[in-house]
Structure formats: C-alpha cells, structure tokens
Amino acid sequence: MAGIAKGPNNNNHKNCTMPKMKSKSGAKKRFELTGTGKVKRKHAFKSHILTKKSTKRKRNLTYSAIVDKADQANVKIMLNG
C-alpha cells in the first residue's frame, strides 16, 4: 500500500483552513476590552496645545472612557472580539 502523498492538493493534512482573521493594528493600540465585554478608549485632545486648556479640562481628559453603544459593534469587529 502506498504512503500518503504530500503536497498542496492533499486533503489529509490539518492545514486545510482559511487564513486567520487579522485584527486592525490601529484598533489594537487604541482600544481595550473590559471583563464585561465593553470597550475602553482614551480621550482625544490631550496631546498638544495644552496651554489654552484649563487644568480641570486636562485632568478630565486623563481618564479613560467607554466607547458608545452605537460604535461598540464596529470596534469589536476591528478587534476580532
């Protein structure tokens, strides 16, 4: 009896699946999933031109926020989550 043929057309090997889905690298850097499945994000407008912004405004921009419910599905698709 002949051995199993090796090659790209052989259906007996394990690697017959489609390529893995890749998550968006920009989304990986910007969003984080919480334990309850919500998506955390950082506030914008805290990187430069800080002299004209009040201390209270800058302090409130420091803390993270939750992505709005309308946008959560799109962000989760980008994160493959």
PDB file of N, CA and C in Angstrom:
ATOM      1  N   MET A   1       0.851  -1.189   0.000  1.00  0.00           N
ATOM      2  CA  MET A   1       0.000   0.000   0.000  1.00  0.00           C
ATOM      3  C   MET A   1       0.888   1.241   0.000  1.00  0.00           C
ATOM      4  N   ALA A   2       0.539   2.179  -0.820  1.00  0.00           N
ATOM      5  CA  ALA A   2       1.361   3.379  -0.967  1.00  0.00           C
ATOM      6  C   ALA A   2       1.117   4.323   0.203  1.00  0.00           C
ATOM      7  N   GLY A   3       2.128   5.120   0.531  1.00  0.00           N
ATOM      8  CA  GLY A   3       2.020   6.098   1.606  1.00  0.00           C
ATOM      9  C   GLY A   3       1.147   7.277   1.194  1.00  0.00           C
ATOM     10  N   ILE A   4       0.858   8.137   2.160  1.00  0.00           N
ATOM     11  CA  ILE A   4       0.036   9.318   1.889  1.00  0.00           C
ATOM     12  C   ILE A   4       0.875  10.317   1.103  1.00  0.00           C
ATOM     13  N   ALA A   5       0.309  10.800   0.024  1.00  0.00           N
ATOM     14  CA  ALA A   5       1.022  11.762  -0.814  1.00  0.00           C
ATOM     15  C   ALA A   5       1.123  13.094  -0.091  1.00  0.00           C
ATOM     16  N   LYS A   6       2.282  13.723  -0.215  1.00  0.00           N
ATOM     17  CA  LYS A   6       2.482  15.032   0.394  1.00  0.00           C
ATOM     18  C   LYS A   6       2.444  16.094  -0.688  1.00  0.00           C
ATOM     19  N   GLY A   7       1.768  17.178  -0.404  1.00  0.00           N
ATOM     20  CA  GLY A   7       1.705  18.258  -1.372  1.00  0.00           C
ATOM     21  C   GLY A   7       0.531  19.171  -1.106  1.00  0.00           C
ATOM     22  N   PRO A   8       0.398  20.242  -1.895  1.00  0.00           N
ATOM     23  CA  PRO A   8      -0.653  21.229  -1.638  1.00  0.00           C
ATOM     24  C   PRO A   8      -2.062  20.713  -1.924  1.00  0.00           C
ATOM     25  N   ASN A   9      -2.204  19.662  -2.750  1.00  0.00           N
ATOM     26  CA  ASN A   9      -3.530  19.165  -3.093  1.00  0.00           C
ATOM     27  C   ASN A   9      -3.988  18.027  -2.189  1.00  0.00           C
ATOM     28  N   ASN A  10      -3.207  17.697  -1.173  1.00  0.00           N
ATOM     29  CA  ASN A  10      -3.556  16.611  -0.268  1.00  0.00           C
ATOM     30  C   ASN A  10      -4.562  17.109   0.763  1.00  0.00           C
ATOM     31  N   ASN A  11      -5.685  16.419   0.918  1.00  0.00           N
ATOM     32  CA  ASN A  11      -6.722  16.836   1.862  1.00  0.00           C
ATOM     33  C   ASN A  11      -6.585  16.155   3.206  1.00  0.00           C
ATOM     34  N   ASN A  12      -5.521  15.401   3.434  1.00  0.00           N
ATOM     35  CA  ASN A  12      -5.376  14.656   4.669  1.00  0.00           C
ATOM     36  C   ASN A  12      -4.577  15.390   5.733  1.00  0.00           C
ATOM     37  N   HIS A  13      -4.092  16.570   5.452  1.00  0.00           N
ATOM     38  CA  HIS A  13      -3.316  17.284   6.464  1.00  0.00           C
ATOM     39  C   HIS A  13      -4.195  18.295   7.187  1.00  0.00           C
ATOM     40  N   LYS A  14      -3.722  18.795   8.320  1.00  0.00           N
ATOM     41  CA  LYS A  14      -4.533  19.641   9.200  1.00  0.00           C
ATOM     42  C   LYS A  14      -4.694  21.065   8.699  1.00  0.00           C
ATOM     43  N   ASN A  15      -3.825  21.552   7.851  1.00  0.00           N
ATOM     44  CA  ASN A  15      -3.830  22.959   7.461  1.00  0.00           C
ATOM     45  C   ASN A  15      -4.740  23.220   6.267  1.00  0.00           C
ATOM     46  N   CYS A  16      -5.980  22.775   6.343  1.00  0.00           N
ATOM     47  CA  CYS A  16      -6.937  22.969   5.254  1.00  0.00           C
ATOM     48  C   CYS A  16      -7.892  24.116   5.537  1.00  0.00           C
ATOM     49  N   THR A  17      -7.590  24.963   6.522  1.00  0.00           N
ATOM     50  CA  THR A  17      -8.495  26.046   6.866  1.00  0.00           C
ATOM     51  C   THR A  17      -8.098  27.318   6.132  1.00  0.00           C
ATOM     52  N   MET A  18      -9.024  28.247   6.118  1.00  0.00           N
ATOM     53  CA  MET A  18      -8.738  29.550   5.526  1.00  0.00           C
ATOM     54  C   MET A  18      -7.736  30.295   6.415  1.00  0.00           C
ATOM     55  N   PRO A  19      -7.107  31.343   5.902  1.00  0.00           N
ATOM     56  CA  PRO A  19      -6.172  32.096   6.745  1.00  0.00           C
ATOM     57  C   PRO A  19      -6.875  32.728   7.939  1.00  0.00           C
ATOM     58  N   LYS A  20      -6.125  32.927   8.999  1.00  0.00           N
ATOM     59  CA  LYS A  20      -6.680  33.529  10.205  1.00  0.00           C
ATOM     60  C   LYS A  20      -7.077  34.978   9.950  1.00  0.00           C
ATOM     61  N   MET A  21      -8.095  35.442  10.690  1.00  0.00           N
ATOM     62  CA  MET A  21      -8.505  36.836  10.607  1.00  0.00           C
ATOM     63  C   MET A  21      -7.483  37.690  11.360  1.00  0.00           C
ATOM     64  N   LYS A  22      -7.139  38.819  10.783  1.00  0.00           N
ATOM     65  CA  LYS A  22      -6.216  39.726  11.452  1.00  0.00           C
ATOM     66  C   LYS A  22      -7.004  40.894  12.026  1.00  0.00           C
ATOM     67  N   SER A  23      -6.644  41.289  13.239  1.00  0.00           N
ATOM     68  CA  SER A  23      -7.274  42.471  13.818  1.00  0.00           C
ATOM     69  C   SER A  23      -6.544  43.709  13.308  1.00  0.00           C
ATOM     70  N   LYS A  24      -7.248  44.827  13.289  1.00  0.00           N
ATOM     71  CA  LYS A  24      -6.670  46.087  12.810  1.00  0.00           C
ATOM     72  C   LYS A  24      -5.616  46.554  13.811  1.00  0.00           C
ATOM     73  N   SER A  25      -4.420  46.796  13.340  1.00  0.00           N
ATOM     74  CA  SER A  25      -3.334  47.142  14.256  1.00  0.00           C
ATOM     75  C   SER A  25      -3.570  48.493  14.920  1.00  0.00           C
ATOM     76  N   GLY A  26      -4.251  49.419  14.231  1.00  0.00           N
ATOM     77  CA  GLY A  26      -4.567  50.705  14.846  1.00  0.00           C
ATOM     78  C   GLY A  26      -5.566  50.563  15.973  1.00  0.00           C
ATOM     79  N   ALA A  27      -6.520  49.642  15.806  1.00  0.00           N
ATOM     80  CA  ALA A  27      -7.520  49.420  16.848  1.00  0.00           C
ATOM     81  C   ALA A  27      -6.893  48.734  18.056  1.00  0.00           C
ATOM     82  N   LYS A  28      -5.929  47.854  17.826  1.00  0.00           N
ATOM     83  CA  LYS A  28      -5.252  47.190  18.941  1.00  0.00           C
ATOM     84  C   LYS A  28      -4.567  48.198  19.849  1.00  0.00           C
ATOM     85  N   LYS A  29      -4.052  49.273  19.245  1.00  0.00           N
ATOM     86  CA  LYS A  29      -3.328  50.276  20.017  1.00  0.00           C
ATOM     87  C   LYS A  29      -4.265  51.247  20.734  1.00  0.00           C
ATOM     88  N   ARG A  30      -5.501  51.376  20.254  1.00  0.00           N
ATOM     89  CA  ARG A  30      -6.387  52.415  20.765  1.00  0.00           C
ATOM     90  C   ARG A  30      -7.480  51.922  21.697  1.00  0.00           C
ATOM     91  N   PHE A  31      -7.862  50.653  21.585  1.00  0.00           N
ATOM     92  CA  PHE A  31      -8.995  50.146  22.356  1.00  0.00           C
ATOM     93  C   PHE A  31      -8.595  48.945  23.193  1.00  0.00           C
ATOM     94  N   GLU A  32      -9.385  48.702  24.244  1.00  0.00           N
ATOM     95  CA  GLU A  32      -9.126  47.584  25.138  1.00  0.00           C
ATOM     96  C   GLU A  32     -10.476  47.032  25.599  1.00  0.00           C
ATOM     97  N   LEU A  33     -10.613  45.712  25.597  1.00  0.00           N
ATOM     98  CA  LEU A  33     -11.857  45.098  26.046  1.00  0.00           C
ATOM     99  C   LEU A  33     -11.827  44.939  27.559  1.00  0.00           C
ATOM    100  N   THR A  34     -12.949  45.266  28.199  1.00  0.00           N
ATOM    101  CA  THR A  34     -13.055  45.078  29.646  1.00  0.00           C
ATOM    102  C   THR A  34     -13.535  43.659  29.925  1.00  0.00           C
ATOM    103  N   GLY A  35     -13.591  43.304  31.178  1.00  0.00           N
ATOM    104  CA  GLY A  35     -14.031  41.969  31.551  1.00  0.00           C
ATOM    105  C   GLY A  35     -15.492  41.721  31.249  1.00  0.00           C
ATOM    106  N   THR A  36     -16.297  42.771  31.217  1.00  0.00           N
ATOM    107  CA  THR A  36     -17.725  42.610  30.939  1.00  0.00           C
ATOM    108  C   THR A  36     -18.047  42.731  29.461  1.00  0.00           C
ATOM    109  N   GLY A  37     -17.031  42.906  28.605  1.00  0.00           N
ATOM    110  CA  GLY A  37     -17.259  42.972  27.165  1.00  0.00           C
ATOM    111  C   GLY A  37     -17.411  44.364  26.608  1.00  0.00           C
ATOM    112  N   LYS A  38     -17.277  45.385  27.449  1.00  0.00           N
ATOM    113  CA  LYS A  38     -17.325  46.759  26.953  1.00  0.00           C
ATOM    114  C   LYS A  38     -15.965  47.116  26.364  1.00  0.00           C
ATOM    115  N   VAL A  39     -15.922  48.231  25.646  1.00  0.00           N
ATOM    116  CA  VAL A  39     -14.687  48.660  25.001  1.00  0.00           C
ATOM    117  C   VAL A  39     -14.236  49.971  25.632  1.00  0.00           C
ATOM    118  N   LYS A  40     -12.995  49.968  26.134  1.00  0.00           N
ATOM    119  CA  LYS A  40     -12.421  51.169  26.739  1.00  0.00           C
ATOM    120  C   LYS A  40     -11.652  51.953  25.685  1.00  0.00           C
ATOM    121  N   ARG A  41     -11.636  53.277  25.852  1.00  0.00           N
ATOM    122  CA  ARG A  41     -10.904  54.147  24.941  1.00  0.00           C
ATOM    123  C   ARG A  41     -10.299  55.292  25.726  1.00  0.00           C
ATOM    124  N   LYS A  42      -9.359  55.978  25.109  1.00  0.00           N
ATOM    125  CA  LYS A  42      -8.782  57.181  25.701  1.00  0.00           C
ATOM    126  C   LYS A  42      -9.503  58.403  25.149  1.00  0.00           C
ATOM    127  N   HIS A  43      -9.404  59.509  25.868  1.00  0.00           N
ATOM    128  CA  HIS A  43      -9.970  60.767  25.389  1.00  0.00           C
ATOM    129  C   HIS A  43      -9.042  61.408  24.372  1.00  0.00           C
ATOM    130  N   ALA A  44      -9.616  62.156  23.445  1.00  0.00           N
ATOM    131  CA  ALA A  44      -8.840  62.909  22.469  1.00  0.00           C
ATOM    132  C   ALA A  44      -8.484  64.283  23.041  1.00  0.00           C
ATOM    133  N   PHE A  45      -7.690  65.041  22.311  1.00  0.00           N
ATOM    134  CA  PHE A  45      -7.340  66.433  22.622  1.00  0.00           C
ATOM    135  C   PHE A  45      -6.455  66.568  23.859  1.00  0.00           C
ATOM    136  N   LYS A  46      -5.617  65.609  24.141  1.00  0.00           N
ATOM    137  CA  LYS A  46      -4.720  65.709  25.305  1.00  0.00           C
ATOM    138  C   LYS A  46      -3.256  65.613  24.883  1.00  0.00           C
ATOM    139  N   SER A  47      -2.966  65.751  23.588  1.00  0.00           N
ATOM    140  CA  SER A  47      -1.594  65.513  23.146  1.00  0.00           C
ATOM    141  C   SER A  47      -0.781  66.794  22.953  1.00  0.00           C
ATOM    142  N   HIS A  48      -1.392  67.864  22.506  1.00  0.00           N
ATOM    143  CA  HIS A  48      -0.636  69.100  22.297  1.00  0.00           C
ATOM    144  C   HIS A  48      -1.577  70.284  22.396  1.00  0.00           C
ATOM    145  N   ILE A  49      -1.016  71.502  22.334  1.00  0.00           N
ATOM    146  CA  ILE A  49      -1.746  72.763  22.532  1.00  0.00           C
ATOM    147  C   ILE A  49      -2.494  72.716  23.869  1.00  0.00           C
ATOM    148  N   LEU A  50      -1.742  72.439  24.930  1.00  0.00           N
ATOM    149  CA  LEU A  50      -2.347  72.287  26.244  1.00  0.00           C
ATOM    150  C   LEU A  50      -2.374  73.588  27.039  1.00  0.00           C
ATOM    151  N   THR A  51      -1.709  74.616  26.542  1.00  0.00           N
ATOM    152  CA  THR A  51      -1.615  75.852  27.326  1.00  0.00           C
ATOM    153  C   THR A  51      -2.951  76.579  27.413  1.00  0.00           C
ATOM    154  N   LYS A  52      -3.752  76.494  26.373  1.00  0.00           N
ATOM    155  CA  LYS A  52      -5.033  77.206  26.394  1.00  0.00           C
ATOM    156  C   LYS A  52      -6.149  76.400  27.062  1.00  0.00           C
ATOM    157  N   LYS A  53      -5.883  75.151  27.420  1.00  0.00           N
ATOM    158  CA  LYS A  53      -6.899  74.314  28.069  1.00  0.00           C
ATOM    159  C   LYS A  53      -6.750  74.427  29.581  1.00  0.00           C
ATOM    160  N   SER A  54      -7.858  74.448  30.261  1.00  0.00           N
ATOM    161  CA  SER A  54      -7.816  74.602  31.708  1.00  0.00           C
ATOM    162  C   SER A  54      -7.305  73.325  32.374  1.00  0.00           C
ATOM    163  N   THR A  55      -6.841  73.474  33.596  1.00  0.00           N
ATOM    164  CA  THR A  55      -6.331  72.327  34.354  1.00  0.00           C
ATOM    165  C   THR A  55      -7.424  71.291  34.572  1.00  0.00           C
ATOM    166  N   LYS A  56      -8.619  71.756  34.849  1.00  0.00           N
ATOM    167  CA  LYS A  56      -9.742  70.837  35.068  1.00  0.00           C
ATOM    168  C   LYS A  56     -10.046  70.042  33.799  1.00  0.00           C
ATOM    169  N   ARG A  57     -10.008  70.716  32.667  1.00  0.00           N
ATOM    170  CA  ARG A  57     -10.291  70.041  31.391  1.00  0.00           C
ATOM    171  C   ARG A  57      -9.227  68.994  31.086  1.00  0.00           C
ATOM    172  N   LYS A  58      -7.965  69.353  31.293  1.00  0.00           N
ATOM    173  CA  LYS A  58      -6.872  68.403  31.042  1.00  0.00           C
ATOM    174  C   LYS A  58      -6.950  67.220  31.990  1.00  0.00           C
ATOM    175  N   ARG A  59      -7.312  67.464  33.233  1.00  0.00           N
ATOM    176  CA  ARG A  59      -7.431  66.392  34.217  1.00  0.00           C
ATOM    177  C   ARG A  59      -8.550  65.427  33.832  1.00  0.00           C
ATOM    178  N   ASN A  60      -9.676  65.965  33.372  1.00  0.00           N
ATOM    179  CA  ASN A  60     -10.790  65.113  32.985  1.00  0.00           C
ATOM    180  C   ASN A  60     -10.510  64.329  31.710  1.00  0.00           C
ATOM    181  N   LEU A  61      -9.620  64.828  30.862  1.00  0.00           N
ATOM    182  CA  LEU A  61      -9.241  64.096  29.650  1.00  0.00           C
ATOM    183  C   LEU A  61      -8.268  62.948  29.943  1.00  0.00           C
ATOM    184  N   THR A  62      -7.716  62.922  31.154  1.00  0.00           N
ATOM    185  CA  THR A  62      -6.738  61.897  31.512  1.00  0.00           C
ATOM    186  C   THR A  62      -7.380  60.513  31.627  1.00  0.00           C
ATOM    187  N   TYR A  63      -8.588  60.472  32.176  1.00  0.00           N
ATOM    188  CA  TYR A  63      -9.213  59.189  32.480  1.00  0.00           C
ATOM    189  C   TYR A  63      -9.774  58.543  31.219  1.00  0.00           C
ATOM    190  N   SER A  64      -9.851  57.223  31.220  1.00  0.00           N
ATOM    191  CA  SER A  64     -10.388  56.514  30.062  1.00  0.00           C
ATOM    192  C   SER A  64     -11.910  56.525  30.104  1.00  0.00           C
ATOM    193  N   ALA A  65     -12.521  56.247  28.955  1.00  0.00           N
ATOM    194  CA  ALA A  65     -13.971  56.267  28.820  1.00  0.00           C
ATOM    195  C   ALA A  65     -14.414  54.978  28.126  1.00  0.00           C
ATOM    196  N   ILE A  66     -15.711  54.765  28.076  1.00  0.00           N
ATOM    197  CA  ILE A  66     -16.289  53.605  27.412  1.00  0.00           C
ATOM    198  C   ILE A  66     -16.777  54.040  26.026  1.00  0.00           C
ATOM    199  N   VAL A  67     -16.532  53.216  25.023  1.00  0.00           N
ATOM    200  CA  VAL A  67     -16.997  53.510  23.673  1.00  0.00           C
ATOM    201  C   VAL A  67     -18.522  53.488  23.664  1.00  0.00           C
ATOM    202  N   ASP A  68     -19.121  54.394  22.905  1.00  0.00           N
ATOM    203  CA  ASP A  68     -20.574  54.481  22.829  1.00  0.00           C
ATOM    204  C   ASP A  68     -21.169  53.180  22.290  1.00  0.00           C
ATOM    205  N   LYS A  69     -22.378  52.873  22.736  1.00  0.00           N
ATOM    206  CA  LYS A  69     -23.044  51.624  22.371  1.00  0.00           C
ATOM    207  C   LYS A  69     -23.207  51.489  20.850  1.00  0.00           C
ATOM    208  N   ALA A  70     -23.432  52.614  20.161  1.00  0.00           N
ATOM    209  CA  ALA A  70     -23.615  52.580  18.709  1.00  0.00           C
ATOM    210  C   ALA A  70     -22.344  52.183  17.974  1.00  0.00           C
ATOM    211  N   ASP A  71     -21.178  52.443  18.564  1.00  0.00           N
ATOM    212  CA  ASP A  71     -19.900  52.159  17.909  1.00  0.00           C
ATOM    213  C   ASP A  71     -19.255  50.868  18.392  1.00  0.00           C
ATOM    214  N   GLN A  72     -19.774  50.269  19.451  1.00  0.00           N
ATOM    215  CA  GLN A  72     -19.114  49.103  20.045  1.00  0.00           C
ATOM    216  C   GLN A  72     -19.015  47.928  19.080  1.00  0.00           C
ATOM    217  N   ALA A  73     -20.047  47.679  18.295  1.00  0.00           N
ATOM    218  CA  ALA A  73     -20.028  46.534  17.376  1.00  0.00           C
ATOM    219  C   ALA A  73     -18.921  46.690  16.337  1.00  0.00           C
ATOM    220  N   ASN A  74     -18.756  47.899  15.793  1.00  0.00           N
ATOM    221  CA  ASN A  74     -17.715  48.123  14.786  1.00  0.00           C
ATOM    222  C   ASN A  74     -16.324  47.967  15.382  1.00  0.00           C
ATOM    223  N   VAL A  75     -16.127  48.443  16.603  1.00  0.00           N
ATOM    224  CA  VAL A  75     -14.812  48.330  17.238  1.00  0.00           C
ATOM    225  C   VAL A  75     -14.504  46.864  17.531  1.00  0.00           C
ATOM    226  N   LYS A  76     -15.495  46.113  17.971  1.00  0.00           N
ATOM    227  CA  LYS A  76     -15.264  44.698  18.268  1.00  0.00           C
ATOM    228  C   LYS A  76     -14.925  43.922  17.007  1.00  0.00           C
ATOM    229  N   ILE A  77     -15.504  44.295  15.876  1.00  0.00           N
ATOM    230  CA  ILE A  77     -15.154  43.657  14.602  1.00  0.00           C
ATOM    231  C   ILE A  77     -13.702  43.949  14.262  1.00  0.00           C
ATOM    232  N   MET A  78     -13.265  45.186  14.490  1.00  0.00           N
ATOM    233  CA  MET A  78     -11.875  45.548  14.216  1.00  0.00           C
ATOM    234  C   MET A  78     -10.913  44.793  15.125  1.00  0.00           C
ATOM    235  N   LEU A  79     -11.373  44.482  16.352  1.00  0.00           N
ATOM    236  CA  LEU A  79     -10.531  43.753  17.297  1.00  0.00           C
ATOM    237  C   LEU A  79     -10.714  42.246  17.194  1.00  0.00           C
ATOM    238  N   ASN A  80     -11.618  41.792  16.335  1.00  0.00           N
ATOM    239  CA  ASN A  80     -11.969  40.369  16.222  1.00  0.00           C
ATOM    240  C   ASN A  80     -12.385  39.802  17.562  1.00  0.00           C
ATOM    241  N   GLY A  81     -13.185  40.558  18.331  1.00  0.00           N
ATOM    242  CA  GLY A  81     -13.565  40.117  19.662  1.00  0.00           C
ATOM    243  C   GLY A  81     -15.019  39.833  19.818  1.00  0.00           C
TER     244      GLY A  81
END
